[in-house]
Structure formats: C-alpha cells, structure tokens
Amino acid sequence: MKIYVDINTKRDGNGTKEHPYKLINEAAKIAVPGDEVLVFPGVYHENVNPVNAGT
C-alpha cells in the first residue's frame, strides 16, 4: 500500500494521495512491511517512531 504525507496539506487526511497525512509519524503508525510511505517536500519537525518494523 502507498501512504502519502504532505506537511502543506490544509488538514490531516487518511493517507491517500488526495487526502495525505500531515505528519510522517501518522503514516509510520499504520505502515506494515512492504508499504511505501511517500513524503512530499517540506520541513517536518517530528520524531518518527514506526510501530511495525521489518522488510
């Protein structure tokens, strides 16, 4: 699954391209091995803590 993140979005979405998450950590919470987190350009001030690790 592809999960999208864009700090410049107007409001937090559901991770789709049309409604991306605002923070990388939100995507990291739901991502599982094999998922892609696609991050749009911008400055993200946060600590990222992936819940699921693996390959």
PDB file of N, CA and C in Angstrom:
ATOM      1  N   MET A   1       0.849  -1.167   0.000  1.00  0.00           N
ATOM      2  CA  MET A   1       0.000   0.000   0.000  1.00  0.00           C
ATOM      3  C   MET A   1       0.900   1.237   0.000  1.00  0.00           C
ATOM      4  N   LYS A   2       0.466   2.277  -0.673  1.00  0.00           N
ATOM      5  CA  LYS A   2       1.175   3.556  -0.666  1.00  0.00           C
ATOM      6  C   LYS A   2       0.465   4.487   0.307  1.00  0.00           C
ATOM      7  N   ILE A   3       1.253   5.097   1.178  1.00  0.00           N
ATOM      8  CA  ILE A   3       0.734   6.026   2.174  1.00  0.00           C
ATOM      9  C   ILE A   3       1.394   7.371   1.914  1.00  0.00           C
ATOM     10  N   TYR A   4       0.589   8.415   1.765  1.00  0.00           N
ATOM     11  CA  TYR A   4       1.099   9.734   1.394  1.00  0.00           C
ATOM     12  C   TYR A   4       1.106  10.676   2.591  1.00  0.00           C
ATOM     13  N   VAL A   5       2.156  11.532   2.619  1.00  0.00           N
ATOM     14  CA  VAL A   5       2.320  12.521   3.683  1.00  0.00           C
ATOM     15  C   VAL A   5       2.663  13.861   3.035  1.00  0.00           C
ATOM     16  N   ASP A   6       1.984  14.918   3.468  1.00  0.00           N
ATOM     17  CA  ASP A   6       2.259  16.260   2.938  1.00  0.00           C
ATOM     18  C   ASP A   6       2.046  17.286   4.041  1.00  0.00           C
ATOM     19  N   ILE A   7       3.130  17.871   4.518  1.00  0.00           N
ATOM     20  CA  ILE A   7       3.069  18.868   5.590  1.00  0.00           C
ATOM     21  C   ILE A   7       2.253  20.094   5.172  1.00  0.00           C
ATOM     22  N   ASN A   8       2.143  20.321   3.865  1.00  0.00           N
ATOM     23  CA  ASN A   8       1.451  21.510   3.367  1.00  0.00           C
ATOM     24  C   ASN A   8      -0.042  21.300   3.116  1.00  0.00           C
ATOM     25  N   THR A   9      -0.566  20.115   3.452  1.00  0.00           N
ATOM     26  CA  THR A   9      -1.989  19.881   3.263  1.00  0.00           C
ATOM     27  C   THR A   9      -2.791  20.745   4.234  1.00  0.00           C
ATOM     28  N   LYS A  10      -3.987  21.119   3.835  1.00  0.00           N
ATOM     29  CA  LYS A  10      -4.815  22.007   4.673  1.00  0.00           C
ATOM     30  C   LYS A  10      -5.210  21.348   5.990  1.00  0.00           C
ATOM     31  N   ARG A  11      -5.554  20.052   5.932  1.00  0.00           N
ATOM     32  CA  ARG A  11      -5.929  19.328   7.150  1.00  0.00           C
ATOM     33  C   ARG A  11      -5.497  17.877   7.021  1.00  0.00           C
ATOM     34  N   ASP A  12      -5.357  17.217   8.153  1.00  0.00           N
ATOM     35  CA  ASP A  12      -4.915  15.836   8.176  1.00  0.00           C
ATOM     36  C   ASP A  12      -5.924  14.951   7.451  1.00  0.00           C
ATOM     37  N   GLY A  13      -5.417  14.037   6.655  1.00  0.00           N
ATOM     38  CA  GLY A  13      -6.283  13.160   5.887  1.00  0.00           C
ATOM     39  C   GLY A  13      -6.168  11.715   6.326  1.00  0.00           C
ATOM     40  N   ASN A  14      -6.381  10.809   5.346  1.00  0.00           N
ATOM     41  CA  ASN A  14      -6.382   9.382   5.636  1.00  0.00           C
ATOM     42  C   ASN A  14      -5.216   8.645   4.983  1.00  0.00           C
ATOM     43  N   GLY A  15      -4.249   9.382   4.443  1.00  0.00           N
ATOM     44  CA  GLY A  15      -3.067   8.772   3.859  1.00  0.00           C
ATOM     45  C   GLY A  15      -3.153   8.503   2.366  1.00  0.00           C
ATOM     46  N   THR A  16      -4.279   8.831   1.747  1.00  0.00           N
ATOM     47  CA  THR A  16      -4.387   8.667   0.299  1.00  0.00           C
ATOM     48  C   THR A  16      -3.716   9.842  -0.393  1.00  0.00           C
ATOM     49  N   LYS A  17      -3.482   9.710  -1.694  1.00  0.00           N
ATOM     50  CA  LYS A  17      -2.852  10.802  -2.441  1.00  0.00           C
ATOM     51  C   LYS A  17      -3.717  12.062  -2.400  1.00  0.00           C
ATOM     52  N   GLU A  18      -5.026  11.878  -2.440  1.00  0.00           N
ATOM     53  CA  GLU A  18      -5.964  13.009  -2.428  1.00  0.00           C
ATOM     54  C   GLU A  18      -6.104  13.635  -1.040  1.00  0.00           C
ATOM     55  N   HIS A  19      -5.895  12.827   0.012  1.00  0.00           N
ATOM     56  CA  HIS A  19      -6.042  13.281   1.404  1.00  0.00           C
ATOM     57  C   HIS A  19      -4.878  12.745   2.243  1.00  0.00           C
ATOM     58  N   PRO A  20      -3.678  13.294   2.028  1.00  0.00           N
ATOM     59  CA  PRO A  20      -2.498  12.771   2.729  1.00  0.00           C
ATOM     60  C   PRO A  20      -2.496  13.111   4.217  1.00  0.00           C
ATOM     61  N   TYR A  21      -1.697  12.337   4.954  1.00  0.00           N
ATOM     62  CA  TYR A  21      -1.447  12.682   6.347  1.00  0.00           C
ATOM     63  C   TYR A  21      -0.596  13.937   6.376  1.00  0.00           C
ATOM     64  N   LYS A  22      -0.670  14.667   7.479  1.00  0.00           N
ATOM     65  CA  LYS A  22       0.132  15.878   7.649  1.00  0.00           C
ATOM     66  C   LYS A  22       1.504  15.560   8.259  1.00  0.00           C
ATOM     67  N   LEU A  23       1.600  14.460   9.002  1.00  0.00           N
ATOM     68  CA  LEU A  23       2.829  14.100   9.695  1.00  0.00           C
ATOM     69  C   LEU A  23       3.315  12.710   9.278  1.00  0.00           C
ATOM     70  N   ILE A  24       4.634  12.559   9.191  1.00  0.00           N
ATOM     71  CA  ILE A  24       5.233  11.272   8.842  1.00  0.00           C
ATOM     72  C   ILE A  24       4.899  10.232   9.900  1.00  0.00           C
ATOM     73  N   ASN A  25       4.884  10.625  11.160  1.00  0.00           N
ATOM     74  CA  ASN A  25       4.614   9.680  12.236  1.00  0.00           C
ATOM     75  C   ASN A  25       3.231   9.052  12.121  1.00  0.00           C
ATOM     76  N   GLU A  26       2.264   9.775  11.592  1.00  0.00           N
ATOM     77  CA  GLU A  26       0.926   9.199  11.393  1.00  0.00           C
ATOM     78  C   GLU A  26       0.989   8.042  10.409  1.00  0.00           C
ATOM     79  N   ALA A  27       1.764   8.208   9.347  1.00  0.00           N
ATOM     80  CA  ALA A  27       1.945   7.124   8.377  1.00  0.00           C
ATOM     81  C   ALA A  27       2.728   5.976   9.002  1.00  0.00           C
ATOM     82  N   ALA A  28       3.739   6.298   9.816  1.00  0.00           N
ATOM     83  CA  ALA A  28       4.562   5.267  10.450  1.00  0.00           C
ATOM     84  C   ALA A  28       3.760   4.404  11.415  1.00  0.00           C
ATOM     85  N   LYS A  29       2.699   4.952  11.975  1.00  0.00           N
ATOM     86  CA  LYS A  29       1.856   4.190  12.904  1.00  0.00           C
ATOM     87  C   LYS A  29       1.092   3.075  12.201  1.00  0.00           C
ATOM     88  N   ILE A  30       0.732   3.276  10.932  1.00  0.00           N
ATOM     89  CA  ILE A  30      -0.097   2.279  10.248  1.00  0.00           C
ATOM     90  C   ILE A  30       0.669   1.458   9.220  1.00  0.00           C
ATOM     91  N   ALA A  31       1.868   1.889   8.858  1.00  0.00           N
ATOM     92  CA  ALA A  31       2.641   1.187   7.831  1.00  0.00           C
ATOM     93  C   ALA A  31       3.068  -0.193   8.331  1.00  0.00           C
ATOM     94  N   VAL A  32       3.001  -1.161   7.436  1.00  0.00           N
ATOM     95  CA  VAL A  32       3.460  -2.517   7.726  1.00  0.00           C
ATOM     96  C   VAL A  32       4.532  -2.875   6.709  1.00  0.00           C
ATOM     97  N   PRO A  33       5.323  -3.923   6.957  1.00  0.00           N
ATOM     98  CA  PRO A  33       6.352  -4.305   5.998  1.00  0.00           C
ATOM     99  C   PRO A  33       5.777  -4.434   4.585  1.00  0.00           C
ATOM    100  N   GLY A  34       6.468  -3.808   3.626  1.00  0.00           N
ATOM    101  CA  GLY A  34       6.028  -3.821   2.235  1.00  0.00           C
ATOM    102  C   GLY A  34       5.309  -2.555   1.808  1.00  0.00           C
ATOM    103  N   ASP A  35       4.824  -1.759   2.757  1.00  0.00           N
ATOM    104  CA  ASP A  35       4.169  -0.492   2.427  1.00  0.00           C
ATOM    105  C   ASP A  35       5.205   0.545   2.023  1.00  0.00           C
ATOM    106  N   GLU A  36       4.761   1.528   1.251  1.00  0.00           N
ATOM    107  CA  GLU A  36       5.606   2.660   0.885  1.00  0.00           C
ATOM    108  C   GLU A  36       5.023   3.921   1.504  1.00  0.00           C
ATOM    109  N   VAL A  37       5.852   4.683   2.197  1.00  0.00           N
ATOM    110  CA  VAL A  37       5.436   5.981   2.719  1.00  0.00           C
ATOM    111  C   VAL A  37       6.070   7.026   1.815  1.00  0.00           C
ATOM    112  N   LEU A  38       5.246   7.743   1.083  1.00  0.00           N
ATOM    113  CA  LEU A  38       5.703   8.748   0.125  1.00  0.00           C
ATOM    114  C   LEU A  38       5.530  10.123   0.753  1.00  0.00           C
ATOM    115  N   VAL A  39       6.639  10.821   0.938  1.00  0.00           N
ATOM    116  CA  VAL A  39       6.649  12.095   1.652  1.00  0.00           C
ATOM    117  C   VAL A  39       6.880  13.228   0.660  1.00  0.00           C
ATOM    118  N   PHE A  40       5.927  14.150   0.607  1.00  0.00           N
ATOM    119  CA  PHE A  40       6.055  15.319  -0.258  1.00  0.00           C
ATOM    120  C   PHE A  40       7.101  16.264   0.334  1.00  0.00           C
ATOM    121  N   PRO A  41       7.726  17.106  -0.500  1.00  0.00           N
ATOM    122  CA  PRO A  41       8.733  18.047   0.001  1.00  0.00           C
ATOM    123  C   PRO A  41       8.178  18.974   1.072  1.00  0.00           C
ATOM    124  N   GLY A  42       9.017  19.301   2.025  1.00  0.00           N
ATOM    125  CA  GLY A  42       8.633  20.207   3.098  1.00  0.00           C
ATOM    126  C   GLY A  42       9.521  19.968   4.298  1.00  0.00           C
ATOM    127  N   VAL A  43       9.312  20.749   5.340  1.00  0.00           N
ATOM    128  CA  VAL A  43      10.078  20.610   6.573  1.00  0.00           C
ATOM    129  C   VAL A  43       9.159  19.985   7.615  1.00  0.00           C
ATOM    130  N   TYR A  44       9.588  18.839   8.121  1.00  0.00           N
ATOM    131  CA  TYR A  44       8.808  18.083   9.100  1.00  0.00           C
ATOM    132  C   TYR A  44       9.587  18.065  10.409  1.00  0.00           C
ATOM    133  N   HIS A  45       9.063  18.711  11.431  1.00  0.00           N
ATOM    134  CA  HIS A  45       9.714  18.753  12.744  1.00  0.00           C
ATOM    135  C   HIS A  45       8.998  17.746  13.646  1.00  0.00           C
ATOM    136  N   GLU A  46       9.530  16.527  13.685  1.00  0.00           N
ATOM    137  CA  GLU A  46       8.884  15.491  14.482  1.00  0.00           C
ATOM    138  C   GLU A  46       9.853  14.324  14.688  1.00  0.00           C
ATOM    139  N   ASN A  47       9.553  13.521  15.665  1.00  0.00           N
ATOM    140  CA  ASN A  47      10.261  12.268  15.882  1.00  0.00           C
ATOM    141  C   ASN A  47       9.400  11.161  15.293  1.00  0.00           C
ATOM    142  N   VAL A  48      10.000  10.339  14.461  1.00  0.00           N
ATOM    143  CA  VAL A  48       9.247   9.262  13.805  1.00  0.00           C
ATOM    144  C   VAL A  48       9.529   7.964  14.542  1.00  0.00           C
ATOM    145  N   ASN A  49       8.461   7.287  14.948  1.00  0.00           N
ATOM    146  CA  ASN A  49       8.572   6.043  15.691  1.00  0.00           C
ATOM    147  C   ASN A  49       7.704   4.979  15.013  1.00  0.00           C
ATOM    148  N   PRO A  50       8.262   4.226  14.034  1.00  0.00           N
ATOM    149  CA  PRO A  50       7.480   3.193  13.378  1.00  0.00           C
ATOM    150  C   PRO A  50       7.024   2.107  14.357  1.00  0.00           C
ATOM    151  N   VAL A  51       5.778   1.730  14.263  1.00  0.00           N
ATOM    152  CA  VAL A  51       5.215   0.700  15.140  1.00  0.00           C
ATOM    153  C   VAL A  51       5.627  -0.687  14.648  1.00  0.00           C
ATOM    154  N   ASN A  52       5.589  -0.889  13.341  1.00  0.00           N
ATOM    155  CA  ASN A  52       5.909  -2.190  12.745  1.00  0.00           C
ATOM    156  C   ASN A  52       7.225  -2.111  11.999  1.00  0.00           C
ATOM    157  N   ALA A  53       8.181  -2.923  12.377  1.00  0.00           N
ATOM    158  CA  ALA A  53       9.455  -2.960  11.675  1.00  0.00           C
ATOM    159  C   ALA A  53       9.525  -4.231  10.845  1.00  0.00           C
ATOM    160  N   GLY A  54      10.402  -4.261   9.896  1.00  0.00           N
ATOM    161  CA  GLY A  54      10.582  -5.456   9.086  1.00  0.00           C
ATOM    162  C   GLY A  54      10.978  -5.105   7.678  1.00  0.00           C
ATOM    163  N   THR A  55      10.921  -6.096   6.803  1.00  0.00           N
ATOM    164  CA  THR A  55      11.292  -5.873   5.416  1.00  0.00           C
ATOM    165  C   THR A  55      10.118  -6.165   4.508  1.00  0.00           C
TER     166      THR A  55
END
